[in-house]
C-alpha atoms as a PDB file:
ATOM      1  CA  MET A   1      12.286  38.620 -30.736  1.00  0.00           C
ATOM      2  CA  ARG A   2      12.186  35.360 -28.954  1.00  0.00           C
ATOM      3  CA  LEU A   3       9.303  32.812 -30.125  1.00  0.00           C
ATOM      4  CA  ALA A   4       7.914  30.513 -28.467  1.00  0.00           C
ATOM      5  CA  ILE A   5       8.546  26.797 -29.721  1.00  0.00           C
ATOM      6  CA  LEU A   6       5.346  24.591 -30.091  1.00  0.00           C
ATOM      7  CA  LEU A   7       7.085  20.992 -29.464  1.00  0.00           C
ATOM      8  CA  PHE A   8       5.220  18.515 -31.621  1.00  0.00           C
ATOM      9  CA  ILE A   9       5.335  15.050 -29.773  1.00  0.00           C
ATOM     10  CA  TYR A  10       4.463  11.875 -29.939  1.00  0.00           C
ATOM     11  CA  ILE A  11       2.686  10.108 -26.922  1.00  0.00           C
ATOM     12  CA  ILE A  12       1.706   6.941 -26.725  1.00  0.00           C
ATOM     13  CA  SER A  13      -2.149   6.186 -26.049  1.00  0.00           C
ATOM     14  CA  LEU A  14      -4.468   3.669 -25.267  1.00  0.00           C
ATOM     15  CA  SER A  15      -5.689   3.338 -28.590  1.00  0.00           C
ATOM     16  CA  ALA A  16      -3.245   1.637 -31.416  1.00  0.00           C
ATOM     17  CA  LYS A  17      -3.200   4.702 -33.410  1.00  0.00           C
ATOM     18  CA  ALA A  18      -0.597   7.027 -32.059  1.00  0.00           C
ATOM     19  CA  GLU A  19      -1.819  10.562 -30.214  1.00  0.00           C
ATOM     20  CA  TYR A  20      -0.397  13.840 -31.259  1.00  0.00           C
ATOM     21  CA  LEU A  21      -0.130  16.730 -28.942  1.00  0.00           C
ATOM     22  CA  PHE A  22       1.032  19.914 -28.426  1.00  0.00           C
ATOM     23  CA  VAL A  23       2.774  20.905 -25.514  1.00  0.00           C
ATOM     24  CA  GLU A  24       4.059  24.154 -24.449  1.00  0.00           C
ATOM     25  CA  GLY A  25       7.282  24.991 -22.369  1.00  0.00           C
ATOM     26  CA  ARG A  26      10.024  23.267 -21.962  1.00  0.00           C
ATOM     27  CA  TYR A  27      12.649  20.560 -20.666  1.00  0.00           C
ATOM     28  CA  GLU A  28      14.209  22.325 -16.998  1.00  0.00           C
ATOM     29  CA  PRO A  29      15.853  20.162 -15.272  1.00  0.00           C
ATOM     30  CA  HIS A  30      16.522  21.741 -12.258  1.00  0.00           C
ATOM     31  CA  LYS A  31      12.200  22.813 -11.569  1.00  0.00           C
ATOM     32  CA  LYS A  32      10.307  21.057  -9.688  1.00  0.00           C
ATOM     33  CA  TRP A  33       8.373  18.723 -11.985  1.00  0.00           C
ATOM     34  CA  THR A  34       5.332  19.225 -11.115  1.00  0.00           C
ATOM     35  CA  LYS A  35       5.418  22.440 -11.242  1.00  0.00           C
ATOM     36  CA  PHE A  36       5.394  22.506 -15.388  1.00  0.00           C
ATOM     37  CA  SER A  37       2.189  23.349 -15.643  1.00  0.00           C
ATOM     38  CA  THR A  38      -1.307  23.227 -13.373  1.00  0.00           C
ATOM     39  CA  ASP A  39      -2.504  20.177 -15.245  1.00  0.00           C
ATOM     40  CA  LYS A  40      -1.356  16.821 -13.825  1.00  0.00           C
ATOM     41  CA  LYS A  41      -1.669  15.025 -16.972  1.00  0.00           C
ATOM     42  CA  LEU A  42       0.820  17.395 -19.138  1.00  0.00           C
ATOM     43  CA  ASN A  43       3.326  17.626 -16.017  1.00  0.00           C
ATOM     44  CA  PHE A  44       3.556  13.856 -16.830  1.00  0.00           C
ATOM     45  CA  LYS A  45       3.177  14.230 -20.608  1.00  0.00           C
ATOM     46  CA  ASN A  46       6.024  16.325 -20.454  1.00  0.00           C
ATOM     47  CA  LEU A  47       8.534  13.228 -18.776  1.00  0.00           C
ATOM     48  CA  PHE A  48       7.114  10.871 -21.047  1.00  0.00           C
ATOM     49  CA  THR A  49       8.367  13.646 -24.268  1.00  0.00           C
ATOM     50  CA  GLN A  50      12.094  13.595 -22.125  1.00  0.00           C
ATOM     51  CA  LEU A  51      11.702   9.600 -22.094  1.00  0.00           C
ATOM     52  CA  LEU A  52      11.106   9.128 -25.701  1.00  0.00           C
ATOM     53  CA  LYS A  53      14.290  10.780 -26.987  1.00  0.00           C
ATOM     54  CA  SER A  54      15.603   7.685 -25.404  1.00  0.00           C
ATOM     55  CA  LYS A  55      15.482   4.620 -27.529  1.00  0.00           C
ATOM     56  CA  THR A  56      15.633   2.615 -24.222  1.00  0.00           C
ATOM     57  CA  GLY A  57      13.081   5.009 -22.394  1.00  0.00           C
ATOM     58  CA  ARG A  58      10.819   4.459 -25.698  1.00  0.00           C
ATOM     59  CA  ASP A  59      10.669   0.861 -25.488  1.00  0.00           C
ATOM     60  CA  LEU A  60       9.878   0.897 -21.699  1.00  0.00           C
ATOM     61  CA  LEU A  61       7.203   3.094 -22.581  1.00  0.00           C
ATOM     62  CA  GLN A  62       5.530   1.249 -25.005  1.00  0.00           C
ATOM     63  CA  LEU A  63       6.159  -2.072 -22.915  1.00  0.00           C
ATOM     64  CA  ALA A  64       4.461   0.026 -19.911  1.00  0.00           C
ATOM     65  CA  ASN A  65       1.457   0.794 -22.276  1.00  0.00           C
ATOM     66  CA  ASP A  66       0.913  -2.434 -23.375  1.00  0.00           C
ATOM     67  CA  LYS A  67       0.882  -3.510 -19.594  1.00  0.00           C
ATOM     68  CA  ALA A  68      -2.224  -0.929 -19.129  1.00  0.00           C
ATOM     69  CA  LYS A  69      -3.671  -1.539 -22.122  1.00  0.00           C
ATOM     70  CA  LYS A  70      -4.763  -5.345 -20.964  1.00  0.00           C
ATOM     71  CA  SER A  71      -6.613  -3.947 -17.728  1.00  0.00           C
ATOM     72  CA  ASN A  72      -8.049  -1.200 -20.265  1.00  0.00           C
ATOM     73  CA  LYS A  73      -5.932   1.515 -18.639  1.00  0.00           C
ATOM     74  CA  THR A  74      -3.741   4.200 -19.931  1.00  0.00           C
ATOM     75  CA  LEU A  75      -0.124   5.081 -19.404  1.00  0.00           C
ATOM     76  CA  TYR A  76      -1.732   8.747 -17.169  1.00  0.00           C
ATOM     77  CA  ASP A  77      -4.341   6.206 -15.225  1.00  0.00           C
ATOM     78  CA  ILE A  78      -1.339   4.150 -13.843  1.00  0.00           C
ATOM     79  CA  VAL A  79       0.714   7.125 -12.706  1.00  0.00           C
ATOM     80  CA  ASP A  80       0.141   9.622 -10.045  1.00  0.00           C
ATOM     81  CA  ALA A  81       2.591  11.712  -7.800  1.00  0.00           C
ATOM     82  CA  GLY A  82       2.826  11.239  -4.237  1.00  0.00           C
ATOM     83  CA  ASN A  83       5.165  11.766  -1.343  1.00  0.00           C
ATOM     84  CA  GLY A  84       7.808   9.056  -2.336  1.00  0.00           C
ATOM     85  CA  SER A  85       8.606   7.090  -5.380  1.00  0.00           C
ATOM     86  CA  LEU A  86       7.362   3.923  -5.393  1.00  0.00           C
ATOM     87  CA  THR A  87       5.303   1.139  -7.404  1.00  0.00           C
ATOM     88  CA  ASP A  88       2.748  -0.570  -5.606  1.00  0.00           C
ATOM     89  CA  THR A  89       0.686  -3.295  -6.440  1.00  0.00           C
ATOM     90  CA  THR A  90      -2.285  -4.738  -4.530  1.00  0.00           C
ATOM     91  CA  LEU A  91      -3.360  -8.201  -4.712  1.00  0.00           C
ATOM     92  CA  ILE A  92      -6.922  -8.789  -3.942  1.00  0.00           C
ATOM     93  CA  ARG A  93      -8.528 -11.774  -2.780  1.00  0.00           C
ATOM     94  CA  LYS A  94     -11.988 -12.873  -3.184  1.00  0.00           C
ATOM     95  CA  PHE A  95     -14.284 -15.889  -1.789  1.00  0.00           C
ATOM     96  CA  HIS A  96     -17.778 -16.031  -0.343  1.00  0.00           C
ATOM     97  CA  PRO A  97     -17.874 -17.284   3.586  1.00  0.00           C
ATOM     98  CA  SER A  98     -19.992 -20.559   2.877  1.00  0.00           C
ATOM     99  CA  SER A  99     -16.949 -21.315  -0.141  1.00  0.00           C
ATOM    100  CA  PRO A 100     -13.992 -20.227   1.146  1.00  0.00           C
ATOM    101  CA  ASP A 101     -12.086 -22.925  -0.869  1.00  0.00           C
ATOM    102  CA  GLU A 102     -13.661 -21.012  -4.024  1.00  0.00           C
ATOM    103  CA  ILE A 103     -10.548 -17.907  -4.653  1.00  0.00           C
ATOM    104  CA  THR A 104     -10.247 -15.157  -7.197  1.00  0.00           C
ATOM    105  CA  TYR A 105      -7.439 -12.958  -7.283  1.00  0.00           C
ATOM    106  CA  VAL A 106      -7.018  -9.518  -8.974  1.00  0.00           C
ATOM    107  CA  SER A 107      -3.658  -7.774  -8.787  1.00  0.00           C
ATOM    108  CA  GLU A 108      -3.402  -3.868  -9.564  1.00  0.00           C
ATOM    109  CA  SER A 109      -0.114  -1.972  -9.964  1.00  0.00           C
ATOM    110  CA  LYS A 110       0.013   1.764  -9.624  1.00  0.00           C
ATOM    111  CA  VAL A 111       3.228   3.954 -10.169  1.00  0.00           C
ATOM    112  CA  PHE A 112       3.868   7.092  -7.784  1.00  0.00           C
ATOM    113  CA  LEU A 113       6.445   9.509  -8.304  1.00  0.00           C
ATOM    114  CA  ASN A 114       8.087  11.919  -5.967  1.00  0.00           C
ATOM    115  CA  LYS A 115       6.075  15.100  -6.595  1.00  0.00           C
ATOM    116  CA  GLU A 116       8.975  17.396  -4.593  1.00  0.00           C
ATOM    117  CA  LEU A 117      12.241  16.071  -7.063  1.00  0.00           C
ATOM    118  CA  ASN A 118      13.251  17.904  -9.872  1.00  0.00           C
ATOM    119  CA  GLN A 119      12.135  17.559 -13.614  1.00  0.00           C
ATOM    120  CA  TYR A 120      15.859  15.743 -13.808  1.00  0.00           C
ATOM    121  CA  ASP A 121      15.315  13.281 -11.114  1.00  0.00           C
ATOM    122  CA  ALA A 122      11.831  12.613 -11.774  1.00  0.00           C
ATOM    123  CA  LEU A 123      12.628  11.715 -15.251  1.00  0.00           C
ATOM    124  CA  LEU A 124      14.920   9.260 -13.853  1.00  0.00           C
ATOM    125  CA  ASP A 125      13.036   8.186 -10.947  1.00  0.00           C
ATOM    126  CA  LEU A 126       9.891   7.427 -13.388  1.00  0.00           C
ATOM    127  CA  ALA A 127      12.212   5.314 -15.705  1.00  0.00           C
ATOM    128  CA  HIS A 128      12.907   3.224 -12.442  1.00  0.00           C
ATOM    129  CA  GLU A 129       9.083   2.903 -11.461  1.00  0.00           C
ATOM    130  CA  LEU A 130       8.041   1.755 -14.920  1.00  0.00           C
ATOM    131  CA  THR A 131      10.403  -1.108 -14.798  1.00  0.00           C
ATOM    132  CA  HIS A 132       8.950  -2.194 -11.618  1.00  0.00           C
ATOM    133  CA  TYR A 133       5.462  -1.765 -13.351  1.00  0.00           C
ATOM    134  CA  VAL A 134       6.681  -3.680 -16.402  1.00  0.00           C
ATOM    135  CA  TYR A 135       8.777  -6.586 -15.625  1.00  0.00           C
ATOM    136  CA  ARG A 136       8.199  -7.798 -12.116  1.00  0.00           C
ATOM    137  CA  ASP A 137       5.892 -10.880 -11.782  1.00  0.00           C
ATOM    138  CA  GLY A 138       3.460 -10.564  -9.554  1.00  0.00           C
ATOM    139  CA  PHE A 139       3.666 -12.352  -6.348  1.00  0.00           C
ATOM    140  CA  ASN A 140       0.970 -14.066  -4.430  1.00  0.00           C
ATOM    141  CA  PRO A 141       1.317 -14.103  -0.548  1.00  0.00           C
ATOM    142  CA  TYR A 142      -1.455 -16.580   0.025  1.00  0.00           C
ATOM    143  CA  VAL A 143       0.551 -19.474  -1.743  1.00  0.00           C
ATOM    144  CA  ARG A 144       2.524 -22.056   0.553  1.00  0.00           C
ATOM    145  CA  ASN A 145       6.024 -21.436  -1.313  1.00  0.00           C
ATOM    146  CA  PHE A 146       6.175 -17.674  -0.227  1.00  0.00           C
ATOM    147  CA  SER A 147       8.747 -17.623   1.456  1.00  0.00           C
ATOM    148  CA  LEU A 148      11.590 -14.669   2.833  1.00  0.00           C
ATOM    149  CA  GLY A 149      14.543 -15.914   0.497  1.00  0.00           C
ATOM    150  CA  GLU A 150      12.366 -15.899  -2.183  1.00  0.00           C
ATOM    151  CA  PHE A 151      10.960 -12.788  -1.592  1.00  0.00           C
ATOM    152  CA  ILE A 152      14.501 -10.773  -0.867  1.00  0.00           C
ATOM    153  CA  SER A 153      15.747 -12.499  -3.687  1.00  0.00           C
ATOM    154  CA  ASN A 154      13.596 -11.299  -6.241  1.00  0.00           C
ATOM    155  CA  THR A 155      13.035  -7.743  -4.588  1.00  0.00           C
ATOM    156  CA  ILE A 156      16.524  -7.337  -5.013  1.00  0.00           C
ATOM    157  CA  GLU A 157      17.865  -9.845  -7.984  1.00  0.00           C
ATOM    158  CA  GLY A 158      14.724 -10.687 -10.037  1.00  0.00           C
ATOM    159  CA  LYS A 159      12.684  -9.686 -12.895  1.00  0.00           C
ATOM    160  CA  GLY A 160      11.786  -5.934 -12.489  1.00  0.00           C
ATOM    161  CA  GLY A 161      13.882  -6.172  -9.452  1.00  0.00           C
ATOM    162  CA  GLU A 162      15.610  -3.284  -7.623  1.00  0.00           C
ATOM    163  CA  VAL A 163      19.041  -3.918  -9.769  1.00  0.00           C
ATOM    164  CA  GLN A 164      17.042  -4.273 -12.908  1.00  0.00           C
ATOM    165  CA  ALA A 165      15.253  -0.904 -12.101  1.00  0.00           C
ATOM    166  CA  PHE A 166      18.406   0.809 -11.589  1.00  0.00           C
ATOM    167  CA  LEU A 167      20.940  -0.629 -14.469  1.00  0.00           C
ATOM    168  CA  MET A 168      17.760   0.618 -16.380  1.00  0.00           C
ATOM    169  CA  GLU A 169      17.239   4.408 -15.356  1.00  0.00           C
ATOM    170  CA  CYS A 170      21.757   4.141 -15.412  1.00  0.00           C
ATOM    171  CA  LYS A 171      21.075   3.002 -19.157  1.00  0.00           C
ATOM    172  CA  ILE A 172      18.779   5.909 -20.346  1.00  0.00           C
ATOM    173  CA  HIS A 173      20.837   8.220 -18.176  1.00  0.00           C
ATOM    174  CA  GLN A 174      23.676   7.358 -20.465  1.00  0.00           C
ATOM    175  CA  GLU A 175      21.302   7.636 -23.397  1.00  0.00           C
ATOM    176  CA  LEU A 176      20.261  11.632 -22.554  1.00  0.00           C
ATOM    177  CA  PHE A 177      22.735  13.025 -20.720  1.00  0.00           C
ATOM    178  CA  SER A 178      25.915  11.729 -21.766  1.00  0.00           C
ATOM    179  CA  LYS A 179      27.679  15.248 -21.379  1.00  0.00           C
ATOM    180  CA  HIS A 180      26.024  15.756 -18.450  1.00  0.00           C
ATOM    181  CA  LYS A 181      28.741  16.715 -15.595  1.00  0.00           C
ATOM    182  CA  VAL A 182      27.002  15.203 -12.704  1.00  0.00           C
ATOM    183  CA  SER A 183      27.277  11.633 -12.709  1.00  0.00           C
ATOM    184  CA  ARG A 184      24.071   9.773 -11.634  1.00  0.00           C
ATOM    185  CA  TYR A 185      24.929   8.692  -8.135  1.00  0.00           C
ATOM    186  CA  ASN A 186      26.068   5.025  -8.301  1.00  0.00           C
ATOM    187  CA  CYS A 187      26.158   4.828 -12.112  1.00  0.00           C
ATOM    188  CA  ASP A 188      29.600   5.055 -12.050  1.00  0.00           C
ATOM    189  CA  LYS A 189      30.597   3.150  -9.271  1.00  0.00           C
ATOM    190  CA  ILE A 190      28.766  -0.473 -11.639  1.00  0.00           C
ATOM    191  CA  MET A 191      30.965  -0.162 -14.230  1.00  0.00           C
ATOM    192  CA  ASP A 192      33.156  -2.909 -14.624  1.00  0.00           C
ATOM    193  CA  PRO A 193      36.741  -1.651 -15.781  1.00  0.00           C
ATOM    194  CA  ARG A 194      37.579  -4.787 -18.057  1.00  0.00           C
ATOM    195  CA  THR A 195      34.891  -3.718 -20.402  1.00  0.00           C
ATOM    196  CA  GLY A 196      33.162   0.125 -19.702  1.00  0.00           C
ATOM    197  CA  LYS A 197      30.389  -1.224 -19.170  1.00  0.00           C
ATOM    198  CA  MET A 198      27.593  -1.248 -16.545  1.00  0.00           C
ATOM    199  CA  SER A 199      27.706  -4.675 -14.834  1.00  0.00           C
ATOM    200  CA  TYR A 200      24.818  -6.409 -13.071  1.00  0.00           C
ATOM    201  CA  ASP A 201      27.033  -8.409 -10.913  1.00  0.00           C
ATOM    202  CA  LEU A 202      28.339  -5.309  -9.412  1.00  0.00           C
ATOM    203  CA  ALA A 203      25.595  -3.798  -8.779  1.00  0.00           C
ATOM    204  CA  VAL A 204      24.311  -6.865  -7.253  1.00  0.00           C
ATOM    205  CA  LYS A 205      26.670  -6.345  -4.732  1.00  0.00           C
ATOM    206  CA  ARG A 206      26.120  -2.737  -3.560  1.00  0.00           C
ATOM    207  CA  PHE A 207      22.095  -3.378  -3.066  1.00  0.00           C
ATOM    208  CA  TYR A 208      23.892  -6.107  -0.354  1.00  0.00           C
ATOM    209  CA  GLN A 209      25.772  -3.450   1.221  1.00  0.00           C
ATOM    210  CA  VAL A 210      23.332  -3.061   4.816  1.00  0.00           C
ATOM    211  CA  GLY A 211      26.144  -1.239   6.878  1.00  0.00           C
ATOM    212  CA  LYS A 212      25.381  -1.172  10.635  1.00  0.00           C
ATOM    213  CA  TYR A 213      22.291  -3.576  10.340  1.00  0.00           C
ATOM    214  CA  TYR A 214      24.736  -6.306   9.247  1.00  0.00           C
ATOM    215  CA  ASP A 215      24.532  -8.390  12.391  1.00  0.00           C
ATOM    216  CA  SER A 216      21.121  -8.162  12.821  1.00  0.00           C
ATOM    217  CA  PHE A 217      20.203  -8.898   9.318  1.00  0.00           C
ATOM    218  CA  THR A 218      22.845 -12.004   9.462  1.00  0.00           C
ATOM    219  CA  GLY A 219      21.146 -13.344  12.422  1.00  0.00           C
ATOM    220  CA  VAL A 220      17.836 -13.165  10.638  1.00  0.00           C
ATOM    221  CA  LEU A 221      19.120 -14.893   7.743  1.00  0.00           C
ATOM    222  CA  HIS A 222      20.743 -17.522   9.902  1.00  0.00           C
ATOM    223  CA  LYS A 223      17.644 -18.197  11.875  1.00  0.00           C
ATOM    224  CA  HIS A 224      15.968 -19.115   8.554  1.00  0.00           C
ATOM    225  CA  GLY A 225      18.660 -21.000   6.449  1.00  0.00           C
ATOM    226  CA  LEU A 226      19.794 -18.333   4.089  1.00  0.00           C
ATOM    227  CA  GLU A 227      23.321 -17.516   4.659  1.00  0.00           C
ATOM    228  CA  GLU A 228      24.753 -19.291   2.052  1.00  0.00           C
ATOM    229  CA  ARG A 229      21.881 -18.136  -0.259  1.00  0.00           C
ATOM    230  CA  PHE A 230      22.628 -14.308   0.696  1.00  0.00           C
ATOM    231  CA  HIS A 231      26.904 -14.701   0.519  1.00  0.00           C
ATOM    232  CA  HIS A 232      27.031 -11.373  -0.961  1.00  0.00           C
ATOM    233  CA  VAL A 233      25.108  -9.485   2.279  1.00  0.00           C
ATOM    234  CA  ASN A 234      28.042  -7.146   4.110  1.00  0.00           C
ATOM    235  CA  SER A 235      28.916  -4.476   6.248  1.00  0.00           C
ATOM    236  CA  GLU A 236      29.822  -1.751   3.664  1.00  0.00           C
ATOM    237  CA  LYS A 237      28.193   1.820   3.918  1.00  0.00           C
ATOM    238  CA  PRO A 238      24.949   1.481   2.071  1.00  0.00           C
ATOM    239  CA  SER A 239      24.534   2.625  -1.674  1.00  0.00           C
ATOM    240  CA  PHE A 240      20.879   1.994  -1.890  1.00  0.00           C
ATOM    241  CA  VAL A 241      18.794   2.681   0.717  1.00  0.00           C
ATOM    242  CA  SER A 242      14.934   2.026   0.432  1.00  0.00           C
ATOM    243  CA  SER A 243      12.790   5.496  -0.530  1.00  0.00           C
ATOM    244  CA  ALA A 244       9.682   3.293   1.332  1.00  0.00           C
ATOM    245  CA  TYR A 245      11.427   2.008   4.589  1.00  0.00           C
ATOM    246  CA  GLY A 246      14.734   4.746   4.979  1.00  0.00           C
ATOM    247  CA  ILE A 247      16.978   1.782   5.147  1.00  0.00           C
ATOM    248  CA  PRO A 248      18.816  -1.082   2.713  1.00  0.00           C
ATOM    249  CA  TYR A 249      17.191  -2.619   0.843  1.00  0.00           C
ATOM    250  CA  PRO A 250      17.406  -6.191   1.834  1.00  0.00           C
ATOM    251  CA  VAL A 251      16.884  -5.134   4.954  1.00  0.00           C
ATOM    252  CA  ALA A 252      13.645  -3.380   4.008  1.00  0.00           C
ATOM    253  CA  ALA A 253      12.656  -6.399   2.539  1.00  0.00           C
ATOM    254  CA  PHE A 254      13.045  -8.550   5.306  1.00  0.00           C
ATOM    255  CA  GLU A 255      10.352  -5.638   6.840  1.00  0.00           C
ATOM    256  CA  GLU A 256       7.761  -6.004   4.162  1.00  0.00           C
ATOM    257  CA  TYR A 257       8.215  -9.819   3.942  1.00  0.00           C
ATOM    258  CA  LEU A 258       6.781  -9.546   7.949  1.00  0.00           C
ATOM    259  CA  SER A 259       4.045  -6.638   6.989  1.00  0.00           C
ATOM    260  CA  VAL A 260       2.745  -8.983   4.180  1.00  0.00           C
ATOM    261  CA  LEU A 261       2.625 -12.527   5.814  1.00  0.00           C
ATOM    262  CA  SER A 262       0.948 -10.649   9.229  1.00  0.00           C
ATOM    263  CA  LYS A 263      -1.634  -9.509   6.960  1.00  0.00           C
ATOM    264  CA  VAL A 264      -1.972 -12.834   4.999  1.00  0.00           C
ATOM    265  CA  CYS A 265      -2.038 -14.775   8.381  1.00  0.00           C
ATOM    266  CA  HIS A 266      -4.990 -11.889   9.757  1.00  0.00           C
ATOM    267  CA  ASN A 267      -7.330 -12.752   6.502  1.00  0.00           C
ATOM    268  CA  ASP A 268      -5.877 -16.566   6.880  1.00  0.00           C
ATOM    269  CA  LYS A 269      -7.465 -16.605  10.489  1.00  0.00           C
ATOM    270  CA  LYS A 270     -10.870 -15.263   9.559  1.00  0.00           C
ATOM    271  CA  ARG A 271     -11.037 -17.518   6.514  1.00  0.00           C
ATOM    272  CA  LEU A 272     -10.359 -20.986   8.580  1.00  0.00           C
ATOM    273  CA  GLY A 273     -13.178 -19.653  10.728  1.00  0.00           C
ATOM    274  CA  TYR A 274     -15.422 -19.904   7.744  1.00  0.00           C
ATOM    275  CA  PHE A 275     -13.980 -23.435   7.151  1.00  0.00           C
ATOM    276  CA  LYS A 276     -15.180 -24.650  10.428  1.00  0.00           C
ATOM    277  CA  GLN A 277     -18.427 -22.959   9.965  1.00  0.00           C
ATOM    278  CA  ASP A 278     -18.887 -24.963   7.223  1.00  0.00           C
ATOM    279  CA  GLN A 279     -20.684 -28.326   8.017  1.00  0.00           C
ATOM    280  CA  GLY A 280     -20.814 -30.192   4.607  1.00  0.00           C
ATOM    281  CA  ARG A 281     -16.919 -29.537   4.655  1.00  0.00           C
ATOM    282  CA  SER A 282     -14.321 -33.324   5.912  1.00  0.00           C
ATOM    283  CA  PRO A 283     -12.800 -32.569   9.322  1.00  0.00           C
ATOM    284  CA  ALA A 284      -9.660 -33.966   7.365  1.00  0.00           C
ATOM    285  CA  SER A 285      -9.745 -30.935   4.590  1.00  0.00           C
ATOM    286  CA  ILE A 286     -10.585 -28.720   8.076  1.00  0.00           C
ATOM    287  CA  ARG A 287      -7.402 -29.785   9.693  1.00  0.00           C
ATOM    288  CA  GLU A 288      -4.950 -30.035   6.579  1.00  0.00           C
ATOM    289  CA  PHE A 289      -5.463 -25.975   5.902  1.00  0.00           C
ATOM    290  CA  GLU A 290      -5.226 -25.109   9.751  1.00  0.00           C
ATOM    291  CA  VAL A 291      -1.747 -26.637  10.159  1.00  0.00           C
ATOM    292  CA  SER A 292      -0.718 -25.366   6.784  1.00  0.00           C
ATOM    293  CA  TYR A 293      -2.355 -21.756   8.697  1.00  0.00           C
ATOM    294  CA  LYS A 294      -0.333 -22.847  12.272  1.00  0.00           C
ATOM    295  CA  SER A 295       3.149 -23.321  10.204  1.00  0.00           C
ATOM    296  CA  ARG A 296       3.053 -20.047   8.361  1.00  0.00           C
ATOM    297  CA  CYS A 297       1.465 -17.384  10.886  1.00  0.00           C
ATOM    298  CA  ALA A 298       3.028 -19.219  14.702  1.00  0.00           C
ATOM    299  CA  ASP A 299       4.260 -15.839  14.832  1.00  0.00           C
ATOM    300  CA  PHE A 300       1.592 -13.899  14.202  1.00  0.00           C
ATOM    301  CA  ASN A 301      -0.946 -15.716  16.405  1.00  0.00           C
END
């Protein structure tokens, strides 16, 4: 007679104390993760439970929990099912029309996990996205040093960028599925043959494979004087494609930069109008902001 086993699981909670929960069922890698149960929270608990079996996964969950707590949230508040796996960060800029130079910024991030994935892929996608959530520094597109070069570099090579997130999921895969017959996508292709360990440099090179986009993308880099900075860009078939854009990551970063800057310029145009309506403001300060606006937003006027 088969007995149903209740697994006693440690789940990190919002409070400093541990929260102990009973989760019925078992991890089934080929079953859709959203079909584990009819309860969304329980579906995520199942994935969190598997991550806790990996030392790297435990550390990552603790860091994610700590960050969520700073915003008075729990892990379950910052994750949700979506049409794709991504970490969405929203920067909210607030100012009053009568005081357009007094600005406050609020940044909020949320992790979305592709609802169509099986438990195996969802587990590793979750590790990938939580790496973005935990480590990626927030950027402010309203500051003057928000540049294309910095944006591409930070997206791919920066702290919490795509390379680090990919290495994280590969490391967790090694810890959880060392005997798994199927290699995790490109994880085996970034192993240094001399050390037998994953190579950050090999991963970086693979992320700059842009395939058929090589000519157009290098043209963009040339226009902005960035050829030397991105010397890794090559025409080899892409190893990694952005799920959000369906194109290689460097090209996707460029498209996202344009999208963000377009919104920034739209908002700054309205802010410039408020500056001009302020009769008490000196013409020099208005001109300074207008020159800055025009230099950044010439392509969006």
